[in-house]
Amino acid sequence: SVCDCAVREKKATMSDYEMDDDEEYEFGYSNDESSEMSEDELPLENTYEESKEIKDSDPRGALAGFLKVINEEKDKKGEWGFKARKQRVKLLFTLGEFAEMLQECRELLSYMEVRTRNESEKILNSVLNFVSGGNQPDILQDVYETTLTALKEQQNDRLWFNTTTQLGKLYFNRREFGKLQKVLKELHKFCENPDGTLNERKDTQLLEIYALEIQLYTEQKNHKRLMSLYHKPLQVRSAIPHPRILGVIREC
């Protein structure tokens, strides 16, 4: 259940959960894009950087600074507001203010409708990895549910699949196999046509699902399910899987 234990214990800092934030996120501007930054954006960048510098020593001040960036961008939903939302989610989590953090998370997710896919994926993974390291399983569950609902509403299928798969891997690592089975069922449905047949355009995703199932049944020593699963990956022809996925399948 949600509680204040994260605050009563030794107070965590942002550094306890993540590496240098500058390493975590790059927008990858070309020289032309960098030169086109408007004068209006420079104060936003300065306020953002100043707030980031004090997030460990003065988290309340940093929260206020990041909010100033968001307010000054108004309804633009631009680069600095997106990054500021991310920082506020992390700070509120660290401070144990979970209800406000979830609301901030919803605001953050709304930016994904107008930001690029690459930006959105990096920001989202940053937040999920941060919360995953905080030893608050109930809150982590809420964040994932909020995220997946928003991605489904936005019809962001690629990011929905990647995030759902990430949740499945989290359940596997925590040995929550019942929850993992439910996730696998959702993932299989994602790879089906409306009539229940397999969508061949999603063969690569299907191989990733099979790899996760193989890991599950191997861990459970469920040899019967492994045998029934063995031939399915071999029937997938058009996929271009990650070498790690192929390695798991070949060990089956």
Protein backbone atom coordinates (compact mmCIF):
# COMPACT_ATOMS: atom_id res chain seq x y z
CA SER A 1 0.00 0.00 0.00
CA VAL A 2 1.05 3.60 -0.52
CA CYS A 3 2.74 4.97 2.55
CA ASP A 4 5.29 7.49 3.69
CA CYS A 5 7.97 4.90 4.41
CA ALA A 6 10.14 6.23 1.59
CA VAL A 7 10.37 9.51 3.48
CA ARG A 8 10.71 8.16 7.03
CA GLU A 9 13.65 5.95 6.07
CA LYS A 10 16.97 7.43 4.98
CA LYS A 11 15.87 9.98 2.46
CA ALA A 12 16.88 8.93 -1.01
CA THR A 13 18.36 11.46 -3.37
CA MET A 14 18.00 11.53 -7.12
CA SER A 15 21.57 10.22 -7.36
CA ASP A 16 20.61 7.04 -5.49
CA TYR A 17 18.46 5.94 -8.41
CA GLU A 18 20.17 7.22 -11.53
CA MET A 19 23.45 8.06 -13.16
CA ASP A 20 24.27 11.53 -14.45
CA ASP A 21 21.09 12.87 -16.00
CA ASP A 22 23.03 14.40 -18.87
CA GLU A 23 24.13 10.90 -19.88
CA GLU A 24 20.60 9.57 -19.72
CA TYR A 25 18.96 11.78 -22.31
CA GLU A 26 20.04 13.26 -25.60
CA PHE A 27 17.80 14.89 -28.17
CA GLY A 28 20.39 14.48 -30.86
CA TYR A 29 20.02 17.86 -32.57
CA SER A 30 21.95 18.50 -35.75
CA ASN A 31 24.00 21.68 -36.02
CA ASP A 32 21.22 23.33 -38.02
CA GLU A 33 18.62 22.51 -35.37
CA SER A 34 20.83 23.81 -32.56
CA SER A 35 21.39 27.11 -34.35
CA GLU A 36 17.66 27.57 -34.78
CA MET A 37 16.93 27.61 -31.04
CA SER A 38 14.91 30.75 -30.44
CA GLU A 39 15.85 33.42 -27.94
CA ASP A 40 12.69 32.55 -26.01
CA GLU A 41 14.10 29.08 -25.31
CA LEU A 42 17.37 30.22 -23.77
CA PRO A 43 15.80 31.38 -20.47
CA LEU A 44 13.92 28.07 -20.30
CA GLU A 45 17.13 26.13 -20.73
CA ASN A 46 18.88 28.24 -18.09
CA THR A 47 16.06 27.78 -15.57
CA TYR A 48 16.01 24.06 -16.27
CA GLU A 49 19.76 23.65 -15.80
CA GLU A 50 19.75 25.76 -12.62
CA SER A 51 16.94 23.65 -11.18
CA LYS A 52 18.72 20.43 -12.08
CA GLU A 53 21.85 21.57 -10.26
CA ILE A 54 19.95 21.92 -6.94
CA LYS A 55 17.68 18.86 -7.16
CA ASP A 56 19.66 16.99 -4.48
CA SER A 57 20.44 19.92 -2.16
CA ASP A 58 17.10 21.72 -2.51
CA PRO A 59 14.46 19.43 -4.05
CA ARG A 60 11.58 21.81 -3.23
CA GLY A 61 13.38 24.65 -4.94
CA ALA A 62 14.10 22.42 -7.91
CA LEU A 63 10.43 21.41 -8.14
CA ALA A 64 9.46 25.08 -8.24
CA GLY A 65 12.08 25.79 -10.88
CA PHE A 66 10.93 22.96 -13.13
CA LEU A 67 7.33 24.13 -12.72
CA LYS A 68 8.40 27.62 -13.79
CA VAL A 69 9.82 26.13 -17.00
CA ILE A 70 6.53 24.34 -17.68
CA ASN A 71 4.43 27.43 -16.98
CA GLU A 72 6.59 29.66 -19.16
CA GLU A 73 6.25 27.24 -22.07
CA LYS A 74 2.48 27.51 -21.54
CA ASP A 75 0.64 25.09 -23.85
CA LYS A 76 3.51 24.58 -26.27
CA LYS A 77 4.57 21.17 -24.88
CA GLY A 78 8.12 21.75 -26.02
CA GLU A 79 11.51 20.24 -25.26
CA TRP A 80 12.20 21.95 -21.93
CA GLY A 81 8.74 21.40 -20.53
CA PHE A 82 9.00 17.71 -21.44
CA LYS A 83 12.31 17.39 -19.63
CA ALA A 84 11.03 19.42 -16.68
CA ARG A 85 8.01 17.11 -16.32
CA LYS A 86 10.37 14.14 -16.22
CA GLN A 87 12.43 15.72 -13.47
CA ARG A 88 9.32 16.56 -11.44
CA VAL A 89 8.08 12.96 -11.66
CA LYS A 90 11.40 11.72 -10.29
CA LEU A 91 11.64 14.32 -7.54
CA LEU A 92 8.07 13.75 -6.35
CA PHE A 93 8.74 10.01 -6.25
CA THR A 94 11.90 10.57 -4.22
CA LEU A 95 9.98 12.79 -1.78
CA GLY A 96 7.26 10.15 -1.38
CA GLU A 97 4.53 12.40 -2.80
CA PHE A 98 3.06 9.61 -4.89
CA ALA A 99 -0.40 11.00 -5.69
CA GLU A 100 1.08 14.19 -7.10
CA MET A 101 3.75 12.16 -8.88
CA LEU A 102 1.10 10.08 -10.71
CA GLN A 103 -0.69 13.25 -11.81
CA GLU A 104 2.61 14.65 -13.06
CA CYS A 105 3.20 11.36 -14.86
CA ARG A 106 -0.13 11.75 -16.68
CA GLU A 107 0.88 15.26 -17.75
CA LEU A 108 4.23 13.92 -18.95
CA LEU A 109 2.53 11.23 -21.04
CA SER A 110 0.37 13.84 -22.78
CA TYR A 111 3.54 15.29 -24.33
CA MET A 112 4.09 12.06 -26.25
CA GLU A 113 1.29 12.98 -28.63
CA VAL A 114 3.35 15.88 -30.00
CA ARG A 115 7.00 14.96 -29.30
CA THR A 116 9.02 12.59 -31.49
CA ARG A 117 8.99 8.85 -30.96
CA ASN A 118 12.68 8.82 -30.06
CA GLU A 119 12.28 11.59 -27.48
CA SER A 120 9.23 9.93 -25.96
CA GLU A 121 10.82 6.51 -25.66
CA LYS A 122 13.96 7.81 -23.98
CA ILE A 123 12.02 9.95 -21.50
CA LEU A 124 9.60 7.12 -20.68
CA ASN A 125 12.35 4.54 -20.18
CA SER A 126 14.19 6.99 -17.94
CA VAL A 127 11.14 7.40 -15.70
CA LEU A 128 10.26 3.69 -15.59
CA ASN A 129 13.83 2.66 -14.80
CA PHE A 130 14.00 5.29 -12.07
CA VAL A 131 10.77 4.20 -10.39
CA SER A 132 11.74 0.51 -10.79
CA GLY A 133 14.79 1.16 -8.62
CA GLY A 134 12.82 2.74 -5.79
CA ASN A 135 11.49 -0.38 -3.99
CA GLN A 136 7.87 0.78 -4.17
CA PRO A 137 6.09 -2.05 -6.04
CA ASP A 138 2.57 -0.63 -5.59
CA ILE A 139 3.60 2.71 -7.02
CA LEU A 140 5.51 1.05 -9.83
CA GLN A 141 2.37 -0.90 -10.74
CA ASP A 142 0.36 2.35 -10.79
CA VAL A 143 2.94 4.04 -13.03
CA TYR A 144 2.93 1.17 -15.50
CA GLU A 145 -0.88 1.03 -15.60
CA THR A 146 -1.11 4.80 -16.09
CA THR A 147 1.51 4.65 -18.84
CA LEU A 148 -0.02 1.73 -20.72
CA THR A 149 -3.51 3.28 -20.60
CA ALA A 150 -2.18 6.53 -22.07
CA LEU A 151 -0.20 4.75 -24.80
CA LYS A 152 -3.23 2.70 -25.78
CA GLU A 153 -5.38 5.84 -25.99
CA GLN A 154 -2.71 7.49 -28.14
CA GLN A 155 -2.57 4.35 -30.33
CA ASN A 156 1.19 4.29 -29.85
CA ASP A 157 1.45 0.57 -30.57
CA ARG A 158 5.21 0.33 -30.73
CA LEU A 159 5.83 2.00 -27.39
CA TRP A 160 2.87 0.15 -25.83
CA PHE A 161 4.41 -3.18 -26.85
CA ASN A 162 7.89 -2.23 -25.62
CA THR A 163 6.55 -0.98 -22.29
CA THR A 164 4.34 -4.05 -21.77
CA THR A 165 7.29 -6.32 -22.56
CA GLN A 166 9.39 -4.37 -20.06
CA LEU A 167 6.68 -4.93 -17.45
CA GLY A 168 6.72 -8.66 -18.23
CA LYS A 169 10.47 -8.80 -17.72
CA LEU A 170 10.07 -6.98 -14.42
CA TYR A 171 7.54 -9.59 -13.26
CA PHE A 172 9.90 -12.36 -14.36
CA ASN A 173 12.79 -10.90 -12.37
CA ARG A 174 10.52 -10.60 -9.33
CA ARG A 175 9.20 -14.15 -9.88
CA GLU A 176 5.63 -12.87 -10.08
CA PHE A 177 4.76 -15.52 -12.63
CA GLY A 178 0.96 -15.19 -12.38
CA LYS A 179 1.17 -11.52 -13.37
CA LEU A 180 3.64 -12.40 -16.11
CA GLN A 181 1.17 -14.89 -17.60
CA LYS A 182 -1.44 -12.13 -17.89
CA VAL A 183 1.07 -9.86 -19.61
CA LEU A 184 2.00 -12.62 -22.06
CA LYS A 185 -1.66 -13.10 -22.91
CA GLU A 186 -1.99 -9.38 -23.73
CA LEU A 187 1.17 -9.47 -25.82
CA HIS A 188 -0.05 -12.45 -27.84
CA LYS A 189 -3.34 -10.67 -28.51
CA PHE A 190 -1.36 -7.68 -29.79
CA CYS A 191 0.21 -9.93 -32.45
CA GLU A 192 -3.13 -11.26 -33.72
CA ASN A 193 -5.44 -10.08 -36.47
CA PRO A 194 -9.09 -9.36 -35.56
CA ASP A 195 -10.00 -12.92 -36.65
CA GLY A 196 -7.47 -14.45 -34.24
CA THR A 197 -4.84 -15.39 -36.83
CA LEU A 198 -1.23 -14.27 -36.43
CA ASN A 199 -0.30 -10.93 -37.94
CA GLU A 200 2.82 -11.68 -39.98
CA ARG A 201 3.87 -8.03 -39.84
CA LYS A 202 4.46 -8.52 -36.10
CA ASP A 203 6.75 -11.53 -36.39
CA THR A 204 9.66 -9.74 -34.70
CA GLN A 205 7.48 -8.89 -31.68
CA LEU A 206 6.18 -12.47 -31.62
CA LEU A 207 9.71 -13.84 -31.31
CA GLU A 208 10.30 -11.54 -28.35
CA ILE A 209 7.16 -12.94 -26.69
CA TYR A 210 8.31 -16.51 -27.33
CA ALA A 211 11.70 -15.72 -25.77
CA LEU A 212 10.00 -14.40 -22.62
CA GLU A 213 7.78 -17.50 -22.47
CA ILE A 214 10.80 -19.78 -22.85
CA GLN A 215 12.50 -18.03 -19.93
CA LEU A 216 9.35 -18.42 -17.82
CA TYR A 217 8.83 -22.14 -18.53
CA THR A 218 12.56 -22.87 -18.10
CA GLU A 219 12.52 -21.17 -14.69
CA GLN A 220 9.38 -23.14 -13.75
CA LYS A 221 10.91 -26.37 -15.12
CA ASN A 222 7.71 -26.78 -17.12
CA HIS A 223 9.09 -29.17 -19.76
CA LYS A 224 5.67 -29.94 -21.24
CA ARG A 225 5.04 -26.28 -22.09
CA LEU A 226 8.59 -25.91 -23.38
CA MET A 227 8.10 -28.84 -25.75
CA SER A 228 4.83 -27.40 -27.08
CA LEU A 229 6.54 -24.03 -27.59
CA TYR A 230 9.73 -25.37 -29.18
CA HIS A 231 8.60 -25.43 -32.83
CA LYS A 232 6.69 -22.13 -32.83
CA PRO A 233 9.71 -19.79 -33.11
CA LEU A 234 11.07 -21.95 -35.96
CA GLN A 235 7.93 -21.25 -37.98
CA VAL A 236 8.49 -17.48 -37.87
CA ARG A 237 10.25 -16.55 -41.11
CA SER A 238 10.12 -12.80 -41.69
CA ALA A 239 11.31 -11.53 -38.32
CA ILE A 240 14.57 -9.65 -37.67
CA PRO A 241 15.07 -10.32 -33.96
CA HIS A 242 17.69 -8.95 -31.61
CA PRO A 243 20.63 -11.39 -31.18
CA ARG A 244 19.75 -11.68 -27.45
CA ILE A 245 16.27 -12.91 -28.39
CA LEU A 246 17.71 -15.45 -30.82
CA GLY A 247 20.09 -16.68 -28.13
CA VAL A 248 17.24 -17.39 -25.69
CA ILE A 249 15.24 -19.22 -28.38
CA ARG A 250 18.18 -21.36 -29.52
CA GLU A 251 18.86 -22.47 -25.95
CA CYS A 252 15.34 -23.91 -25.74
